Amino acid sequence: MILSKMPAAKVSLRKSRGGVFEITVDGRLRFSKKSAGRFPAGDEVLACIA
């Protein structure tokens, strides 16, 4: 989904434990499942990186 909307984006997946899901952009945390208590909704991922 991300690459189809933003082909120049560099996306990586890092293995972790405990259900951690974070979105970082240029080293800055933009979304944290732990802080929000939920996964991001559909277009919320794109909004975080735009």
C-alpha atoms as a PDB file:
ATOM      1  CA  MET A   1       0.000   0.000   0.000  1.00  0.00           C
ATOM      2  CA  ILE A   2       2.698   2.533   0.966  1.00  0.00           C
ATOM      3  CA  LEU A   3       4.933   1.849  -2.016  1.00  0.00           C
ATOM      4  CA  SER A   4       2.032   2.073  -4.463  1.00  0.00           C
ATOM      5  CA  LYS A   5       1.223   5.574  -3.160  1.00  0.00           C
ATOM      6  CA  MET A   6       4.831   6.674  -2.483  1.00  0.00           C
ATOM      7  CA  PRO A   7       7.226   4.717  -4.749  1.00  0.00           C
ATOM      8  CA  ALA A   8      10.327   6.532  -3.441  1.00  0.00           C
ATOM      9  CA  ALA A   9       9.630   5.523   0.176  1.00  0.00           C
ATOM     10  CA  LYS A  10      12.102   3.209   1.890  1.00  0.00           C
ATOM     11  CA  VAL A  11      10.142   0.708   3.974  1.00  0.00           C
ATOM     12  CA  SER A  12      11.608  -1.838   6.369  1.00  0.00           C
ATOM     13  CA  LEU A  13      10.306  -4.350   8.858  1.00  0.00           C
ATOM     14  CA  ARG A  14      12.232  -5.060  12.011  1.00  0.00           C
ATOM     15  CA  LYS A  15      11.475  -8.090  14.118  1.00  0.00           C
ATOM     16  CA  SER A  16      10.584  -7.371  17.721  1.00  0.00           C
ATOM     17  CA  ARG A  17       8.597  -8.799  20.604  1.00  0.00           C
ATOM     18  CA  GLY A  18       5.490  -7.850  22.504  1.00  0.00           C
ATOM     19  CA  GLY A  19       3.311  -6.619  19.666  1.00  0.00           C
ATOM     20  CA  VAL A  20       5.350  -3.485  19.040  1.00  0.00           C
ATOM     21  CA  PHE A  21       4.250  -1.537  15.970  1.00  0.00           C
ATOM     22  CA  GLU A  22       5.911   1.803  15.314  1.00  0.00           C
ATOM     23  CA  ILE A  23       6.169   4.139  12.359  1.00  0.00           C
ATOM     24  CA  THR A  24       9.319   6.253  12.214  1.00  0.00           C
ATOM     25  CA  VAL A  25      10.219   8.843   9.591  1.00  0.00           C
ATOM     26  CA  ASP A  26      13.779  10.173   9.402  1.00  0.00           C
ATOM     27  CA  GLY A  27      14.466   8.745  12.855  1.00  0.00           C
ATOM     28  CA  ARG A  28      11.424  10.411  14.436  1.00  0.00           C
ATOM     29  CA  LEU A  29       8.632   8.334  15.958  1.00  0.00           C
ATOM     30  CA  ARG A  30       5.362   9.215  14.207  1.00  0.00           C
ATOM     31  CA  PHE A  31       3.093   6.435  15.531  1.00  0.00           C
ATOM     32  CA  SER A  32       3.346   3.952  18.383  1.00  0.00           C
ATOM     33  CA  LYS A  33       0.839   1.156  18.941  1.00  0.00           C
ATOM     34  CA  LYS A  34       1.951   1.028  22.565  1.00  0.00           C
ATOM     35  CA  SER A  35       1.169   4.716  23.118  1.00  0.00           C
ATOM     36  CA  ALA A  36      -2.046   4.738  21.067  1.00  0.00           C
ATOM     37  CA  GLY A  37      -3.273   1.382  22.347  1.00  0.00           C
ATOM     38  CA  ARG A  38      -4.214   0.308  18.814  1.00  0.00           C
ATOM     39  CA  PHE A  39      -2.932  -0.269  15.293  1.00  0.00           C
ATOM     40  CA  PRO A  40      -3.182   2.677  12.894  1.00  0.00           C
ATOM     41  CA  ALA A  41      -6.323   2.816  10.751  1.00  0.00           C
ATOM     42  CA  GLY A  42      -6.140   2.518   6.922  1.00  0.00           C
ATOM     43  CA  ASP A  43      -4.988   5.885   5.598  1.00  0.00           C
ATOM     44  CA  GLU A  44      -3.508   6.866   8.968  1.00  0.00           C
ATOM     45  CA  VAL A  45      -0.259   5.128   7.978  1.00  0.00           C
ATOM     46  CA  LEU A  46       0.042   7.289   4.871  1.00  0.00           C
ATOM     47  CA  ALA A  47      -0.836  10.393   6.888  1.00  0.00           C
ATOM     48  CA  CYS A  48       1.996   9.579   9.316  1.00  0.00           C
ATOM     49  CA  ILE A  49       4.607   9.472   6.575  1.00  0.00           C
ATOM     50  CA  ALA A  50       3.313  12.241   4.296  1.00  0.00           C
END
